[in-house]
Protein backbone atom coordinates (compact mmCIF):
# COMPACT_ATOMS: atom_id res chain seq x y z
CA MET A 1 83.10 88.69 97.60
CA ILE A 2 84.00 91.14 100.42
CA CYS A 3 85.54 94.46 99.61
CA ARG A 4 89.34 94.36 101.27
CA ILE A 5 88.62 98.31 102.01
CA CYS A 6 85.28 98.64 103.61
CA GLY A 7 84.02 94.74 103.93
CA SER A 8 81.10 95.39 101.68
CA LEU A 9 79.05 92.72 99.99
CA ASP A 10 78.46 95.24 97.11
CA THR A 11 80.99 94.34 94.87
CA ARG A 12 80.98 93.49 91.48
CA GLU A 13 83.81 91.90 88.96
CA LEU A 14 84.99 91.79 85.87
CA PRO A 15 88.19 90.33 83.81
CA VAL A 16 89.78 94.12 83.50
CA GLY A 17 93.34 93.95 85.55
CA ASN A 18 96.57 93.66 83.23
CA TYR A 19 99.55 92.13 85.17
CA GLU A 20 102.39 94.53 84.55
CA GLU A 21 105.68 93.22 83.70
CA PHE A 22 107.86 94.22 86.44
CA PHE A 23 105.15 93.05 88.70
CA ARG A 24 105.04 89.70 87.16
CA LEU A 25 109.17 89.75 87.13
CA ARG A 26 108.49 90.12 91.25
CA VAL A 27 105.75 88.45 92.34
CA ASP A 28 104.41 85.16 91.74
CA THR A 29 101.17 85.13 89.47
CA SER A 30 100.68 81.78 88.98
CA LYS A 31 98.97 81.98 92.30
CA ASP A 32 96.20 84.00 91.28
CA GLN A 33 93.15 81.47 91.11
CA PHE A 34 91.14 84.20 88.87
CA LEU A 35 94.38 84.52 86.35
CA LEU A 36 93.25 84.55 82.46
CA PHE A 37 94.94 83.13 79.56
CA SER A 38 94.94 83.86 75.72
CA ARG A 39 96.65 82.78 72.72
CA ALA A 40 95.89 86.31 71.28
CA ALA A 41 97.67 89.83 72.64
CA SER A 42 94.55 91.81 72.63
CA ILE A 43 91.04 91.16 72.30
CA GLN A 44 89.64 92.02 69.16
CA LEU A 45 86.79 94.41 69.28
CA LYS A 46 85.80 95.23 65.70
CA PRO A 47 85.95 92.22 62.74
CA ALA A 48 87.84 92.25 60.40
CA SER A 49 87.23 93.00 57.15
CA LEU A 50 85.70 90.75 54.41
CA SER A 51 89.15 90.94 52.02
CA VAL A 52 91.14 89.99 55.53
CA ARG A 53 88.49 86.89 56.51
CA ALA A 54 89.04 85.24 53.28
CA PHE A 55 92.36 85.30 53.32
CA ARG A 56 92.77 83.75 56.80
CA LYS A 57 90.09 80.79 55.60
CA ILE A 58 92.06 80.20 52.63
CA ARG A 59 95.45 80.61 54.84
CA LYS A 60 93.57 77.88 57.70
CA LEU A 61 92.73 75.59 54.53
CA LEU A 62 96.27 75.34 53.18
CA SER A 63 98.35 75.12 56.46
CA THR A 64 98.41 73.11 59.47
CA PRO A 65 97.29 74.99 62.26
CA LYS A 66 99.53 75.98 65.07
CA LEU A 67 98.50 76.75 68.38
CA LYS A 68 100.39 79.79 70.09
CA PRO A 69 101.44 79.29 73.43
CA ALA A 70 98.58 80.86 76.10
CA MET A 71 99.93 83.58 78.39
CA GLN A 72 98.76 85.65 81.11
CA PHE A 73 96.05 87.63 79.57
CA ARG A 74 93.45 89.13 82.79
CA THR A 75 93.15 88.88 85.88
CA TYR A 76 89.59 89.48 87.70
CA MET A 77 89.05 93.25 89.53
CA GLN A 78 85.97 94.13 91.89
CA ALA A 79 85.07 97.44 91.95
CA CYS A 80 82.49 98.40 95.32
CA ALA A 81 79.54 100.11 95.11
CA SER A 82 79.60 101.24 98.89
CA CYS A 83 83.18 102.91 99.06
CA HIS A 84 84.00 102.87 95.03
CA GLY A 85 87.52 100.82 95.60
CA ILE A 86 88.59 98.81 92.79
CA THR A 87 90.96 95.94 94.12
CA PRO A 88 92.44 92.33 92.36
CA CYS A 89 89.93 89.68 93.09
CA HIS A 90 93.11 87.87 94.41
CA GLU A 91 94.21 88.69 97.71
CA TYR A 92 98.30 88.73 97.75
CA SER A 93 99.95 88.16 101.22
CA TYR A 94 102.54 90.56 103.17
CA GLU A 95 105.22 87.61 102.02
CA ASP A 96 103.77 87.36 98.59
CA LEU A 97 104.58 90.96 97.72
CA LEU A 98 108.09 91.51 100.05
CA GLY A 99 109.87 90.69 96.12
CA LEU A 100 108.51 93.94 95.11
CA TYR A 101 109.96 96.05 98.76
CA ARG A 102 112.35 94.63 99.94
CA ASP A 103 115.18 96.29 98.11
CA TYR A 104 112.59 99.35 97.17
CA ARG A 105 114.24 102.32 95.14
CA THR A 106 118.05 100.68 95.55
CA GLU A 107 120.05 99.91 92.76
CA SER A 108 118.94 96.39 92.48
CA TYR A 109 115.25 97.71 91.99
CA ASN A 110 116.13 100.23 89.80
CA ARG A 111 117.98 97.66 87.17
CA ASP A 112 115.14 94.80 87.56
CA ARG A 113 112.56 97.79 86.86
CA ILE A 114 114.23 99.43 83.98
CA SER A 115 114.87 95.61 82.33
CA VAL A 116 111.01 95.40 81.79
CA GLU A 117 110.38 98.82 81.87
CA PRO A 118 113.35 101.03 79.86
CA SER A 119 111.15 103.98 79.99
CA TYR A 120 111.37 103.68 84.08
CA ALA A 121 115.20 104.95 83.18
CA ARG A 122 114.22 108.68 82.85
CA ILE A 123 112.45 109.32 86.27
CA ALA A 124 114.63 105.97 88.34
CA LYS A 125 116.80 108.93 89.86
CA ASP A 126 114.08 111.10 91.05
CA VAL A 127 111.07 108.98 92.25
CA GLY A 128 111.18 108.94 95.81
CA SER A 129 113.82 111.74 95.75
CA HIS A 130 113.01 114.98 93.26
CA SER A 131 114.29 118.00 96.17
CA LEU A 132 110.40 119.19 95.19
CA GLU A 133 108.90 115.66 96.09
CA ILE A 134 110.55 116.20 99.64
CA LYS A 135 109.28 119.66 100.31
CA SER A 136 105.97 119.21 98.28
CA ARG A 137 105.11 116.02 100.24
CA ASN A 138 106.66 117.56 103.81
CA ASP A 139 104.89 121.03 103.35
CA ALA A 140 101.36 119.08 102.58
CA VAL A 141 101.18 117.08 105.64
CA ASP A 142 103.02 119.92 108.16
CA ARG A 143 99.97 122.17 106.96
CA PHE A 144 97.33 119.27 107.28
CA LEU A 145 98.82 117.82 110.74
CA GLY A 146 99.06 121.73 111.87
CA ARG A 147 95.46 122.91 111.19
CA ASN A 148 94.65 120.05 114.03
CA SER A 149 97.55 120.09 116.31
CA ASN A 150 95.07 120.60 119.42
CA ALA A 151 94.57 117.04 118.40
CA PHE A 152 98.00 116.02 118.94
CA ALA A 153 99.26 115.05 122.83
CA GLY A 154 103.03 114.16 122.55
CA GLY A 155 105.11 110.73 123.50
CA ALA A 156 105.93 108.50 120.67
CA MET A 157 105.56 108.83 116.84
CA ILE A 158 105.60 106.06 114.90
CA ASP A 159 106.18 106.08 110.56
CA TYR A 160 104.59 102.78 109.40
CA GLY A 161 106.18 102.02 106.09
CA GLY A 162 108.75 104.91 106.44
CA SER A 163 111.53 103.46 104.73
CA ASP A 164 114.29 105.95 104.98
CA GLY A 165 112.83 108.69 106.98
CA ARG A 166 112.92 111.43 104.23
CA PHE A 167 109.41 111.70 104.44
CA ILE A 168 109.32 112.60 108.18
CA PRO A 169 107.43 115.90 108.49
CA PRO A 170 108.86 119.14 110.65
CA PHE A 171 105.43 118.94 112.56
CA ALA A 172 106.33 115.51 113.88
CA TYR A 173 110.24 116.66 114.94
CA LYS A 174 108.42 119.65 116.88
CA ASN A 175 105.43 117.35 118.52
CA PHE A 176 107.61 114.21 119.26
CA GLU A 177 109.81 112.83 121.99
CA ARG A 178 110.50 109.80 119.87
CA ILE A 179 109.92 109.02 116.26
CA TYR A 180 110.26 104.96 114.98
CA ILE A 181 110.31 103.72 111.28
CA TYR A 182 108.63 100.55 110.91
CA ASP A 183 109.48 99.08 107.30
CA VAL A 184 109.81 95.96 104.80
CA SER A 185 112.77 97.71 103.06
CA ILE A 186 116.67 97.46 103.59
CA ALA A 187 116.95 100.86 103.43
CA PRO A 188 119.26 102.69 105.77
CA LEU A 189 118.10 106.13 107.49
CA HIS A 190 119.32 108.61 104.76
CA PRO A 191 121.12 111.57 106.56
CA SER A 192 118.99 114.30 106.49
CA VAL A 193 117.24 112.31 109.35
CA ASP A 194 117.92 113.59 112.84
CA VAL A 195 119.26 110.42 114.28
CA ARG A 196 119.15 111.56 118.00
CA LYS A 197 115.44 111.62 116.93
CA VAL A 198 114.39 108.77 114.67
CA GLU A 199 115.31 105.22 114.62
CA ARG A 200 114.19 102.16 113.15
CA LEU A 201 112.15 99.46 114.91
CA ALA A 202 112.71 95.49 113.96
CA ALA A 203 108.66 95.45 115.61
CA PRO A 204 106.20 97.89 116.97
CA LYS A 205 105.23 97.63 120.26
CA PRO A 206 100.97 97.13 120.96
CA GLU A 207 99.97 100.45 122.61
CA ALA A 208 103.06 102.14 122.51
CA TYR A 209 102.46 104.78 120.15
CA SER A 210 100.03 108.11 120.32
CA PHE A 211 100.47 108.63 116.73
CA LEU A 212 101.02 106.42 113.87
CA ALA A 213 101.67 107.95 109.97
CA CYS A 214 100.99 105.30 107.08
CA MET A 215 101.83 107.60 103.86
CA HIS A 216 101.53 106.04 100.52
CA VAL A 217 100.99 102.40 101.87
CA LEU A 218 97.59 101.26 101.27
CA GLU A 219 98.23 101.40 97.56
CA HIS A 220 100.32 98.51 98.07
CA VAL A 221 98.99 95.74 100.03
CA GLY A 222 96.91 93.08 99.83
CA ASN A 223 94.13 93.96 102.43
CA PRO A 224 93.97 97.20 102.86
CA ARG A 225 90.93 96.94 105.56
CA ALA A 226 93.15 94.32 107.38
CA PHE A 227 96.30 96.73 107.02
CA VAL A 228 94.97 99.21 109.20
CA ILE A 229 93.35 96.93 111.76
CA ASP A 230 97.02 95.91 112.42
CA ALA A 231 98.51 99.33 112.68
CA ALA A 232 95.54 100.64 114.51
CA GLN A 233 96.61 97.82 117.88
CA TYR A 234 99.69 99.67 118.00
CA VAL A 235 98.10 103.05 118.51
CA GLN A 236 97.39 104.07 122.74
CA PRO A 237 93.61 104.63 123.33
CA GLY A 238 92.62 107.89 121.91
CA GLY A 239 95.59 108.10 119.80
CA LEU A 240 95.90 109.12 115.80
CA ILE A 241 96.28 107.79 112.65
CA TYR A 242 97.37 109.31 109.76
CA ILE A 243 96.84 108.01 106.29
CA GLU A 244 98.02 109.27 103.35
CA VAL A 245 97.38 107.56 99.74
CA PRO A 246 97.48 109.03 95.96
CA LEU A 247 93.56 109.23 94.40
CA GLU A 248 93.96 107.53 91.44
CA LEU A 249 90.53 106.19 90.89
CA SER A 250 89.26 107.72 88.04
CA GLN A 251 85.24 108.40 87.22
CA SER A 252 85.41 106.68 84.23
CA MET A 253 87.05 103.65 86.22
CA ARG A 254 83.85 103.81 87.83
CA GLU A 255 81.52 103.98 84.79
CA ASN A 256 83.54 100.98 82.99
CA PHE A 257 82.62 98.74 86.13
CA GLU A 258 78.93 100.01 86.00
CA GLN A 259 78.98 99.51 82.21
CA ARG A 260 80.32 96.22 81.89
CA ILE A 261 83.40 97.77 79.89
CA VAL A 262 86.50 95.50 79.66
CA ASP A 263 88.70 97.89 77.47
CA PRO A 264 91.25 99.69 78.54
CA PRO A 265 92.39 97.52 81.14
CA ILE A 266 93.71 98.68 84.39
CA GLY A 267 97.53 98.01 85.08
CA ILE A 268 98.49 96.16 87.93
CA HIS A 269 101.97 97.45 89.25
CA GLU A 270 102.81 98.51 92.56
CA HIS A 271 99.61 100.01 93.06
CA ILE A 272 97.31 97.23 93.24
CA ASN A 273 94.62 99.31 95.20
CA LYS A 274 92.91 102.21 93.43
CA PHE A 275 90.97 104.62 95.74
CA ASP A 276 89.25 107.72 96.03
CA ARG A 277 88.00 110.02 98.52
CA THR A 278 85.34 108.18 99.63
CA SER A 279 86.96 104.66 99.80
CA ILE A 280 89.29 105.47 102.62
CA ARG A 281 86.77 106.90 105.19
CA ALA A 282 84.54 104.57 103.97
CA LEU A 283 87.29 102.17 105.39
CA VAL A 284 88.06 103.61 108.88
CA ASP A 285 84.24 103.87 109.53
CA SER A 286 84.11 100.44 108.90
CA ILE A 287 86.94 99.71 111.83
CA PRO A 288 85.26 99.69 115.02
CA GLY A 289 86.80 101.80 117.67
CA LEU A 290 88.09 104.51 114.71
CA GLU A 291 87.05 107.97 113.67
CA ILE A 292 87.41 110.30 111.48
CA VAL A 293 89.04 113.42 112.38
CA ASP A 294 90.31 114.82 109.34
CA ASP A 295 90.47 114.78 105.68
CA ALA A 296 91.35 116.64 102.51
CA GLU A 297 92.62 116.33 99.13
CA ASP A 298 94.66 118.43 97.44
CA GLY A 299 97.13 118.20 93.79
CA GLU A 300 101.13 117.74 93.94
CA ASP A 301 103.97 118.18 92.04
CA LEU A 302 106.67 115.52 92.80
CA GLY A 303 109.03 117.78 90.00
CA TRP A 304 108.40 114.36 88.05
CA VAL A 305 104.83 113.43 88.37
CA ARG A 306 101.95 115.76 89.11
CA THR A 307 99.16 113.80 91.62
CA ILE A 308 96.43 114.29 93.84
CA THR A 309 96.70 112.98 97.38
CA GLY A 310 94.35 112.08 99.82
CA ARG A 311 94.98 112.73 103.28
CA PHE A 312 92.83 111.65 106.26
CA LEU A 313 93.37 111.64 110.09
CA ALA A 314 91.67 109.05 112.20
CA ARG A 315 91.33 108.57 116.49
CA LYS A 316 91.54 105.15 117.93
CA SER A 317 89.07 105.39 121.16
CA THR A 318 89.25 102.05 122.28
């Protein structure tokens, strides 16, 4: 199979994907041709004791067997030896995933998620809204873009997947005449956003922006490489693209794939793709006309969780 992060053919597949309940509630997973079904809730790795096995044999002889209904169990995921990235083998389209994000973090979204994931109630009001998250993320982007300030030429910026605009950093307000937000969600602009400079777009224009920011989007999409290729068409030649993703791909995940270990499974929730720093560098390098200008990774305290974030600045040459 072709890696949807870097385009490599050097991939391997294992049945290690587990659709979480909220994903199954909002997305039609029956389209997944790699989906596996089971009548058991888990894989039994250790044989039962002799007495338990004897009891099961006696019960089987004395009773009429009743088959449990088959339920979604696992799906295949692929790992790429070239970029390290891990993605579901099934490619979900933009339309397939709209159910997850059209009302992102609104009351209806939180209600549905809490209904199948009660623990989310503890952090629902903080995710994407905690004052520490907004400050930490915006400060970190400011520092990264600021150290590359000589590469920017002003003009118009587009935040591709920018939601309500709270994560537009001060650097953007200072360096761009106009800032546009393009997003699938219905979230209105937050009151903290300067509407004299910022507006939402129904559709971006090709080669109309000198800078495109794509922050915490690629982990959510069905085909990250195709997404970046599509987004790049809106950037002027010589313009810049900033990509920000959580680096959630652990060494243990990579080793499990190499050793063909199928437990524990990898949960498929909103973040359907797993990256490390090599993943996004390889993605950019695989696209003709794009080149890496700078990259970094750092830890962030978001108030409700700690995370490691990767930052990548690329230039469009043609």
